[in-house]
Amino acid sequence: MRELAGIVTLVAGFGLAAAEAGFRSPESLVRNVYAHYGQGVPELSKGLPRDGATARQFFDFPLRKAWSTPRAEPYDFLVQSASWKLGPVAIAVVRRQYDKTYVAANFDNHGRRVTLNFILVNGPEGWLITDVETPHDSLRMFLEQFRN
């Protein structure tokens, strides 16, 4: 009986390790991105961190290094501004196409309307961001442009 309990615990631990990388739904991933842009606890109000652990949790493999590489960007792409005071964030799945899901995030930042389209993929690690688009730019192009 103890062996069975040990095996169950081990399997559950592997499941938690895999779940730490991504998220269980596209909406929860985008909600968790914007949880880092609040006005409460200082740790949650500095924007999405640029460390390796955060990159592994939120982004697919090709985007991880670009996200966590130090750079001097003129603004935070995910809020389209150097500072933020966000209104409510509306999140909606726009379409599911083959292996990608497109999720729109709409919010006001200092009274200016912002719309971003997250392109998400679902893999063994859970849901991860493969790119984020605006009408004029994408996160991948933005990070490449301001690469040191």
N, C-alpha and C. Protein backbone atom coordinates (compact mmCIF):
# COMPACT_ATOMS: atom_id res chain seq x y z
N MET A 1 0.83 -1.19 0.00
CA MET A 1 0.00 0.00 0.00
C MET A 1 0.87 1.26 0.00
N ARG A 2 1.95 1.27 0.78
CA ARG A 2 2.84 2.42 0.82
C ARG A 2 3.49 2.64 -0.54
N GLU A 3 3.82 1.55 -1.21
CA GLU A 3 4.43 1.66 -2.54
C GLU A 3 3.47 2.33 -3.51
N LEU A 4 2.21 1.93 -3.45
CA LEU A 4 1.20 2.53 -4.32
C LEU A 4 1.06 4.02 -4.03
N ALA A 5 1.04 4.40 -2.76
CA ALA A 5 0.94 5.81 -2.38
C ALA A 5 2.16 6.57 -2.87
N GLY A 6 3.34 5.96 -2.78
CA GLY A 6 4.56 6.60 -3.26
C GLY A 6 4.53 6.81 -4.77
N ILE A 7 4.02 5.83 -5.50
CA ILE A 7 3.93 5.94 -6.96
C ILE A 7 2.94 7.04 -7.34
N VAL A 8 1.80 7.08 -6.67
CA VAL A 8 0.80 8.12 -6.94
C VAL A 8 1.39 9.50 -6.67
N THR A 9 2.12 9.65 -5.58
CA THR A 9 2.75 10.93 -5.25
C THR A 9 3.78 11.31 -6.30
N LEU A 10 4.56 10.35 -6.75
CA LEU A 10 5.58 10.60 -7.77
C LEU A 10 4.94 11.04 -9.08
N VAL A 11 3.90 10.33 -9.51
CA VAL A 11 3.20 10.69 -10.75
C VAL A 11 2.56 12.06 -10.63
N ALA A 12 1.96 12.36 -9.50
CA ALA A 12 1.36 13.67 -9.28
C ALA A 12 2.42 14.75 -9.34
N GLY A 13 3.59 14.49 -8.78
CA GLY A 13 4.70 15.46 -8.83
C GLY A 13 5.13 15.75 -10.25
N PHE A 14 5.19 14.71 -11.09
CA PHE A 14 5.54 14.93 -12.50
C PHE A 14 4.47 15.75 -13.19
N GLY A 15 3.21 15.51 -12.86
CA GLY A 15 2.12 16.29 -13.45
C GLY A 15 2.21 17.75 -13.06
N LEU A 16 2.56 18.03 -11.80
CA LEU A 16 2.71 19.41 -11.35
C LEU A 16 3.88 20.08 -12.04
N ALA A 17 4.98 19.35 -12.23
CA ALA A 17 6.15 19.93 -12.89
C ALA A 17 5.81 20.32 -14.32
N ALA A 18 5.05 19.48 -15.01
CA ALA A 18 4.65 19.81 -16.38
C ALA A 18 3.69 20.99 -16.39
N ALA A 19 2.78 21.05 -15.41
CA ALA A 19 1.80 22.13 -15.39
C ALA A 19 2.44 23.46 -15.05
N GLU A 20 3.60 23.47 -14.37
CA GLU A 20 4.26 24.72 -14.01
C GLU A 20 4.72 25.48 -15.24
N ALA A 21 5.01 24.77 -16.32
CA ALA A 21 5.53 25.42 -17.52
C ALA A 21 4.46 26.23 -18.22
N GLY A 22 3.30 25.66 -18.43
CA GLY A 22 2.25 26.34 -19.17
C GLY A 22 0.99 26.47 -18.33
N PHE A 23 -0.12 26.70 -19.02
CA PHE A 23 -1.40 26.88 -18.33
C PHE A 23 -2.43 25.93 -18.91
N ARG A 24 -3.49 25.70 -18.17
CA ARG A 24 -4.50 24.72 -18.57
C ARG A 24 -5.48 25.23 -19.61
N SER A 25 -5.64 26.54 -19.74
CA SER A 25 -6.54 27.08 -20.76
C SER A 25 -5.91 28.34 -21.34
N PRO A 26 -6.28 28.67 -22.58
CA PRO A 26 -5.75 29.91 -23.19
C PRO A 26 -6.13 31.15 -22.38
N GLU A 27 -7.34 31.19 -21.88
CA GLU A 27 -7.79 32.35 -21.12
C GLU A 27 -7.00 32.52 -19.83
N SER A 28 -6.70 31.41 -19.15
CA SER A 28 -5.95 31.52 -17.90
C SER A 28 -4.53 32.02 -18.14
N LEU A 29 -3.94 31.65 -19.26
CA LEU A 29 -2.61 32.15 -19.58
C LEU A 29 -2.62 33.67 -19.71
N VAL A 30 -3.54 34.20 -20.49
CA VAL A 30 -3.61 35.65 -20.71
C VAL A 30 -3.98 36.37 -19.41
N ARG A 31 -4.89 35.80 -18.63
CA ARG A 31 -5.25 36.39 -17.33
C ARG A 31 -4.02 36.48 -16.43
N ASN A 32 -3.19 35.44 -16.44
CA ASN A 32 -1.99 35.43 -15.60
C ASN A 32 -0.93 36.40 -16.09
N VAL A 33 -0.87 36.68 -17.38
CA VAL A 33 0.04 37.71 -17.89
C VAL A 33 -0.33 39.04 -17.24
N TYR A 34 -1.60 39.41 -17.31
CA TYR A 34 -2.03 40.72 -16.82
C TYR A 34 -2.15 40.79 -15.30
N ALA A 35 -2.06 39.67 -14.61
CA ALA A 35 -1.99 39.71 -13.14
C ALA A 35 -0.71 40.39 -12.68
N HIS A 36 0.30 40.45 -13.54
CA HIS A 36 1.57 41.11 -13.20
C HIS A 36 1.55 42.62 -13.43
N TYR A 37 0.41 43.15 -13.84
CA TYR A 37 0.30 44.58 -14.12
C TYR A 37 -0.69 45.26 -13.19
N GLY A 38 -0.83 44.74 -11.98
CA GLY A 38 -1.75 45.32 -11.01
C GLY A 38 -1.15 46.50 -10.29
N GLN A 39 -1.91 47.03 -9.35
CA GLN A 39 -1.45 48.18 -8.57
C GLN A 39 -1.34 47.85 -7.08
N GLY A 40 -1.36 46.57 -6.75
CA GLY A 40 -1.32 46.20 -5.34
C GLY A 40 0.09 45.88 -4.87
N VAL A 41 0.36 44.63 -4.69
CA VAL A 41 1.65 44.16 -4.19
C VAL A 41 2.76 44.53 -5.18
N PRO A 42 3.85 45.14 -4.73
CA PRO A 42 4.92 45.56 -5.63
C PRO A 42 5.46 44.45 -6.54
N GLU A 43 5.55 43.21 -6.03
CA GLU A 43 6.06 42.12 -6.86
C GLU A 43 5.14 41.84 -8.06
N LEU A 44 3.88 42.19 -7.94
CA LEU A 44 2.93 41.93 -9.02
C LEU A 44 2.62 43.18 -9.83
N SER A 45 3.38 44.23 -9.63
CA SER A 45 3.08 45.49 -10.32
C SER A 45 4.24 45.98 -11.18
N LYS A 46 5.21 45.13 -11.43
CA LYS A 46 6.38 45.54 -12.22
C LYS A 46 6.33 44.99 -13.64
N GLY A 47 5.19 44.48 -14.05
CA GLY A 47 5.09 43.88 -15.36
C GLY A 47 5.54 42.42 -15.32
N LEU A 48 5.39 41.75 -16.44
CA LEU A 48 5.78 40.35 -16.53
C LEU A 48 7.30 40.25 -16.41
N PRO A 49 7.80 39.51 -15.42
CA PRO A 49 9.26 39.42 -15.21
C PRO A 49 9.99 38.88 -16.43
N ARG A 50 11.26 39.26 -16.57
CA ARG A 50 12.10 38.86 -17.71
C ARG A 50 13.06 37.74 -17.37
N ASP A 51 12.82 37.02 -16.27
CA ASP A 51 13.72 35.94 -15.88
C ASP A 51 13.40 34.64 -16.64
N GLY A 52 14.33 33.69 -16.55
CA GLY A 52 14.18 32.43 -17.25
C GLY A 52 12.99 31.60 -16.79
N ALA A 53 12.71 31.61 -15.50
CA ALA A 53 11.58 30.84 -14.97
C ALA A 53 10.25 31.35 -15.53
N THR A 54 10.10 32.65 -15.60
CA THR A 54 8.87 33.24 -16.15
C THR A 54 8.78 32.94 -17.64
N ALA A 55 9.90 33.04 -18.35
CA ALA A 55 9.92 32.75 -19.78
C ALA A 55 9.48 31.31 -20.04
N ARG A 56 9.95 30.36 -19.23
CA ARG A 56 9.55 28.96 -19.39
C ARG A 56 8.08 28.75 -19.09
N GLN A 57 7.56 29.51 -18.15
CA GLN A 57 6.15 29.35 -17.75
C GLN A 57 5.19 29.91 -18.80
N PHE A 58 5.57 31.02 -19.46
CA PHE A 58 4.64 31.72 -20.33
C PHE A 58 4.88 31.54 -21.84
N PHE A 59 6.11 31.29 -22.25
CA PHE A 59 6.44 31.34 -23.68
C PHE A 59 6.91 30.01 -24.23
N ASP A 60 6.65 29.79 -25.52
CA ASP A 60 7.16 28.59 -26.18
C ASP A 60 8.67 28.70 -26.34
N PHE A 61 9.30 27.60 -26.66
CA PHE A 61 10.77 27.55 -26.68
C PHE A 61 11.42 28.65 -27.51
N PRO A 62 10.99 28.89 -28.76
CA PRO A 62 11.68 29.92 -29.55
C PRO A 62 11.61 31.34 -28.96
N LEU A 63 10.57 31.64 -28.20
CA LEU A 63 10.39 32.99 -27.67
C LEU A 63 11.02 33.17 -26.28
N ARG A 64 11.34 32.09 -25.60
CA ARG A 64 11.88 32.16 -24.23
C ARG A 64 13.16 32.97 -24.13
N LYS A 65 14.13 32.67 -24.97
CA LYS A 65 15.41 33.36 -24.89
C LYS A 65 15.24 34.84 -25.22
N ALA A 66 14.46 35.14 -26.25
CA ALA A 66 14.24 36.54 -26.63
C ALA A 66 13.59 37.32 -25.49
N TRP A 67 12.66 36.69 -24.77
CA TRP A 67 11.97 37.38 -23.67
C TRP A 67 12.92 37.67 -22.51
N SER A 68 13.79 36.72 -22.18
CA SER A 68 14.61 36.88 -20.98
C SER A 68 15.98 37.52 -21.23
N THR A 69 16.32 37.81 -22.48
CA THR A 69 17.58 38.48 -22.79
C THR A 69 17.48 39.95 -22.39
N PRO A 70 18.47 40.47 -21.64
CA PRO A 70 18.42 41.90 -21.24
C PRO A 70 18.42 42.82 -22.47
N ARG A 71 17.64 43.86 -22.39
CA ARG A 71 17.54 44.84 -23.49
C ARG A 71 16.98 46.14 -22.97
N ALA A 72 17.13 47.17 -23.76
CA ALA A 72 16.60 48.48 -23.39
C ALA A 72 15.47 48.83 -24.35
N GLU A 73 14.27 48.46 -23.99
CA GLU A 73 13.10 48.73 -24.83
C GLU A 73 12.46 50.04 -24.40
N PRO A 74 11.88 50.77 -25.34
CA PRO A 74 11.28 52.06 -24.99
C PRO A 74 9.95 51.93 -24.24
N TYR A 75 9.32 50.75 -24.30
CA TYR A 75 8.05 50.54 -23.60
C TYR A 75 7.81 49.05 -23.42
N ASP A 76 6.83 48.71 -22.59
CA ASP A 76 6.44 47.32 -22.36
C ASP A 76 5.43 46.95 -23.43
N PHE A 77 5.80 46.00 -24.27
CA PHE A 77 4.95 45.61 -25.40
C PHE A 77 3.58 45.11 -24.94
N LEU A 78 3.52 44.41 -23.81
CA LEU A 78 2.27 43.78 -23.38
C LEU A 78 1.23 44.77 -22.88
N VAL A 79 1.63 46.02 -22.63
CA VAL A 79 0.66 47.06 -22.28
C VAL A 79 0.78 48.26 -23.22
N GLN A 80 1.71 48.18 -24.18
CA GLN A 80 1.91 49.21 -25.20
C GLN A 80 2.23 50.58 -24.61
N SER A 81 3.02 50.57 -23.52
CA SER A 81 3.36 51.83 -22.84
C SER A 81 4.52 51.59 -21.88
N ALA A 82 5.20 52.66 -21.53
CA ALA A 82 6.27 52.57 -20.54
C ALA A 82 5.72 52.49 -19.12
N SER A 83 4.49 52.91 -18.92
CA SER A 83 3.84 52.82 -17.61
C SER A 83 2.43 52.30 -17.82
N TRP A 84 1.76 51.96 -16.73
CA TRP A 84 0.43 51.42 -16.90
C TRP A 84 -0.46 51.70 -15.72
N LYS A 85 -1.69 51.87 -16.05
CA LYS A 85 -2.81 51.89 -15.11
C LYS A 85 -3.95 51.28 -15.91
N LEU A 86 -4.07 49.96 -15.79
CA LEU A 86 -4.99 49.22 -16.63
C LEU A 86 -6.40 49.21 -16.07
N GLY A 87 -7.34 49.32 -16.98
CA GLY A 87 -8.73 49.09 -16.65
C GLY A 87 -8.98 47.59 -16.73
N PRO A 88 -10.23 47.16 -16.61
CA PRO A 88 -10.54 45.73 -16.71
C PRO A 88 -10.06 45.15 -18.04
N VAL A 89 -9.53 43.94 -17.97
CA VAL A 89 -9.01 43.26 -19.16
C VAL A 89 -10.07 42.27 -19.63
N ALA A 90 -10.55 42.46 -20.86
CA ALA A 90 -11.51 41.54 -21.47
C ALA A 90 -10.72 40.54 -22.32
N ILE A 91 -10.98 39.26 -22.08
CA ILE A 91 -10.25 38.20 -22.77
C ILE A 91 -11.26 37.31 -23.48
N ALA A 92 -11.00 37.03 -24.77
CA ALA A 92 -11.91 36.18 -25.54
C ALA A 92 -11.14 35.38 -26.57
N VAL A 93 -11.48 34.10 -26.68
CA VAL A 93 -10.92 33.28 -27.74
C VAL A 93 -11.54 33.74 -29.05
N VAL A 94 -10.70 34.15 -29.99
CA VAL A 94 -11.18 34.66 -31.28
C VAL A 94 -11.34 33.53 -32.28
N ARG A 95 -10.34 32.63 -32.34
CA ARG A 95 -10.44 31.48 -33.24
C ARG A 95 -9.44 30.41 -32.84
N ARG A 96 -9.79 29.20 -33.22
CA ARG A 96 -8.91 28.05 -33.05
C ARG A 96 -8.58 27.57 -34.45
N GLN A 97 -7.29 27.50 -34.75
CA GLN A 97 -6.88 27.14 -36.10
C GLN A 97 -5.73 26.15 -36.01
N TYR A 98 -6.00 24.91 -36.39
CA TYR A 98 -5.01 23.84 -36.33
C TYR A 98 -4.41 23.76 -34.94
N ASP A 99 -3.11 24.02 -34.80
CA ASP A 99 -2.46 23.87 -33.50
C ASP A 99 -2.39 25.17 -32.72
N LYS A 100 -2.97 26.23 -33.24
CA LYS A 100 -2.90 27.55 -32.58
C LYS A 100 -4.28 28.03 -32.17
N THR A 101 -4.29 28.79 -31.08
CA THR A 101 -5.51 29.45 -30.63
C THR A 101 -5.21 30.93 -30.50
N TYR A 102 -6.10 31.76 -31.03
CA TYR A 102 -5.93 33.21 -31.01
C TYR A 102 -6.85 33.78 -29.94
N VAL A 103 -6.25 34.54 -29.02
CA VAL A 103 -7.00 35.12 -27.91
C VAL A 103 -6.81 36.62 -27.92
N ALA A 104 -7.92 37.36 -27.93
CA ALA A 104 -7.87 38.83 -27.91
C ALA A 104 -7.92 39.31 -26.46
N ALA A 105 -7.06 40.28 -26.17
CA ALA A 105 -7.08 40.95 -24.86
C ALA A 105 -7.33 42.43 -25.14
N ASN A 106 -8.38 42.97 -24.54
CA ASN A 106 -8.75 44.38 -24.70
C ASN A 106 -8.79 45.04 -23.33
N PHE A 107 -8.19 46.23 -23.24
CA PHE A 107 -8.19 46.96 -21.99
C PHE A 107 -7.85 48.42 -22.26
N ASP A 108 -8.10 49.26 -21.27
CA ASP A 108 -7.67 50.65 -21.32
C ASP A 108 -6.40 50.78 -20.50
N ASN A 109 -5.42 51.52 -21.01
CA ASN A 109 -4.21 51.83 -20.28
C ASN A 109 -4.10 53.34 -20.22
N HIS A 110 -4.26 53.90 -19.02
CA HIS A 110 -4.30 55.36 -18.84
C HIS A 110 -5.33 55.99 -19.77
N GLY A 111 -6.47 55.31 -19.94
CA GLY A 111 -7.55 55.83 -20.76
C GLY A 111 -7.41 55.60 -22.26
N ARG A 112 -6.32 54.99 -22.69
CA ARG A 112 -6.12 54.70 -24.12
C ARG A 112 -6.45 53.23 -24.37
N ARG A 113 -7.29 52.98 -25.37
CA ARG A 113 -7.73 51.61 -25.69
C ARG A 113 -6.60 50.81 -26.30
N VAL A 114 -6.38 49.59 -25.79
CA VAL A 114 -5.33 48.69 -26.29
C VAL A 114 -5.97 47.35 -26.64
N THR A 115 -5.61 46.83 -27.81
CA THR A 115 -6.06 45.51 -28.24
C THR A 115 -4.84 44.71 -28.66
N LEU A 116 -4.66 43.55 -28.06
CA LEU A 116 -3.57 42.65 -28.41
C LEU A 116 -4.15 41.28 -28.74
N ASN A 117 -3.55 40.62 -29.71
CA ASN A 117 -3.96 39.26 -30.07
C ASN A 117 -2.84 38.30 -29.72
N PHE A 118 -3.11 37.44 -28.75
CA PHE A 118 -2.15 36.44 -28.32
C PHE A 118 -2.31 35.21 -29.21
N ILE A 119 -1.20 34.69 -29.70
CA ILE A 119 -1.20 33.45 -30.46
C ILE A 119 -0.61 32.40 -29.53
N LEU A 120 -1.43 31.40 -29.21
CA LEU A 120 -1.06 30.41 -28.21
C LEU A 120 -1.01 29.02 -28.82
N VAL A 121 -0.13 28.20 -28.27
CA VAL A 121 -0.04 26.80 -28.69
C VAL A 121 -0.20 25.93 -27.45
N ASN A 122 -0.77 24.75 -27.66
CA ASN A 122 -0.97 23.81 -26.56
C ASN A 122 -0.07 22.61 -26.81
N GLY A 123 0.83 22.37 -25.90
CA GLY A 123 1.74 21.24 -26.02
C GLY A 123 1.80 20.47 -24.73
N PRO A 124 2.80 19.61 -24.60
CA PRO A 124 2.93 18.81 -23.39
C PRO A 124 3.10 19.65 -22.12
N GLU A 125 3.60 20.88 -22.27
CA GLU A 125 3.80 21.75 -21.11
C GLU A 125 2.56 22.56 -20.77
N GLY A 126 1.52 22.49 -21.57
CA GLY A 126 0.32 23.29 -21.38
C GLY A 126 0.29 24.41 -22.41
N TRP A 127 -0.56 25.40 -22.19
CA TRP A 127 -0.69 26.52 -23.12
C TRP A 127 0.47 27.49 -22.94
N LEU A 128 1.06 27.91 -24.06
CA LEU A 128 2.18 28.84 -24.05
C LEU A 128 2.01 29.87 -25.17
N ILE A 129 2.61 31.05 -24.98
CA ILE A 129 2.55 32.12 -25.98
C ILE A 129 3.60 31.86 -27.05
N THR A 130 3.17 31.90 -28.31
CA THR A 130 4.12 31.79 -29.41
C THR A 130 4.35 33.16 -30.06
N ASP A 131 3.39 34.08 -29.89
CA ASP A 131 3.56 35.46 -30.33
C ASP A 131 2.39 36.29 -29.82
N VAL A 132 2.56 37.60 -29.87
CA VAL A 132 1.50 38.56 -29.52
C VAL A 132 1.53 39.60 -30.61
N GLU A 133 0.36 39.91 -31.17
CA GLU A 133 0.29 40.86 -32.28
C GLU A 133 -0.54 42.07 -31.94
N THR A 134 -0.12 43.20 -32.52
CA THR A 134 -0.92 44.42 -32.55
C THR A 134 -1.25 44.64 -34.01
N PRO A 135 -2.04 45.64 -34.35
CA PRO A 135 -2.30 45.89 -35.78
C PRO A 135 -1.02 46.24 -36.56
N HIS A 136 0.05 46.66 -35.87
CA HIS A 136 1.24 47.13 -36.58
C HIS A 136 2.52 46.39 -36.25
N ASP A 137 2.50 45.47 -35.28
CA ASP A 137 3.74 44.89 -34.80
C ASP A 137 3.46 43.53 -34.17
N SER A 138 4.52 42.82 -33.85
CA SER A 138 4.38 41.58 -33.09
C SER A 138 5.47 41.55 -32.02
N LEU A 139 5.22 40.78 -30.98
CA LEU A 139 6.19 40.69 -29.89
C LEU A 139 7.53 40.18 -30.40
N ARG A 140 7.52 39.18 -31.27
CA ARG A 140 8.78 38.65 -31.82
C ARG A 140 9.58 39.73 -32.54
N MET A 141 8.91 40.49 -33.40
CA MET A 141 9.61 41.56 -34.14
C MET A 141 10.10 42.65 -33.19
N PHE A 142 9.29 42.98 -32.21
CA PHE A 142 9.65 44.00 -31.22
C PHE A 142 10.91 43.60 -30.46
N LEU A 143 10.94 42.36 -29.96
CA LEU A 143 12.10 41.90 -29.21
C LEU A 143 13.35 41.82 -30.09
N GLU A 144 13.17 41.43 -31.31
CA GLU A 144 14.30 41.38 -32.25
C GLU A 144 14.83 42.78 -32.54
N GLN A 145 13.94 43.72 -32.69
CA GLN A 145 14.34 45.10 -33.00
C GLN A 145 15.17 45.72 -31.88
N PHE A 146 14.84 45.42 -30.63
CA PHE A 146 15.54 46.03 -29.50
C PHE A 146 16.54 45.09 -28.86
N ARG A 147 16.99 44.12 -29.62
CA ARG A 147 18.01 43.17 -29.14
C ARG A 147 19.32 43.91 -28.98
N ASN A 148 20.05 43.62 -27.91
CA ASN A 148 21.35 44.27 -27.67
C ASN A 148 22.43 43.64 -28.51
